[in-house]
Amino acid sequence: MASKEDLRTIAGKALADPDFRQKLLDDAEAAVAEAGMELTPEQMKAIKEMDKEKLEAGLADLDQRLTMGCWGKSQPIDTCLWE
């Protein structure tokens, strides 16, 4: 069974590695095995049932915020620049 830290590791890898993220979306079991993790059936079900469109939109927004210096800010993305 994966710990919460293992699940965070999978999420972080999905954020940082677009190829892993796509594999996670396409074949979660293979991606998790590749990462060297073992998940419970409930954990795997939760990953498989992620709303892929919301995940991609959220990751794209986060990536843009990080790129434009908006980490942790609540203002619209188009107003964030390294302040």
Foldseek 3Di string as FASTA:
>chain_A
DDDVVLVVVLVVCLLVPVVLVVCCQVPVVVSCVVVVDDDDPVVNVVSPPDPVVVVVVVSVVVVLCVVQVNVPHDDDSVVGHND
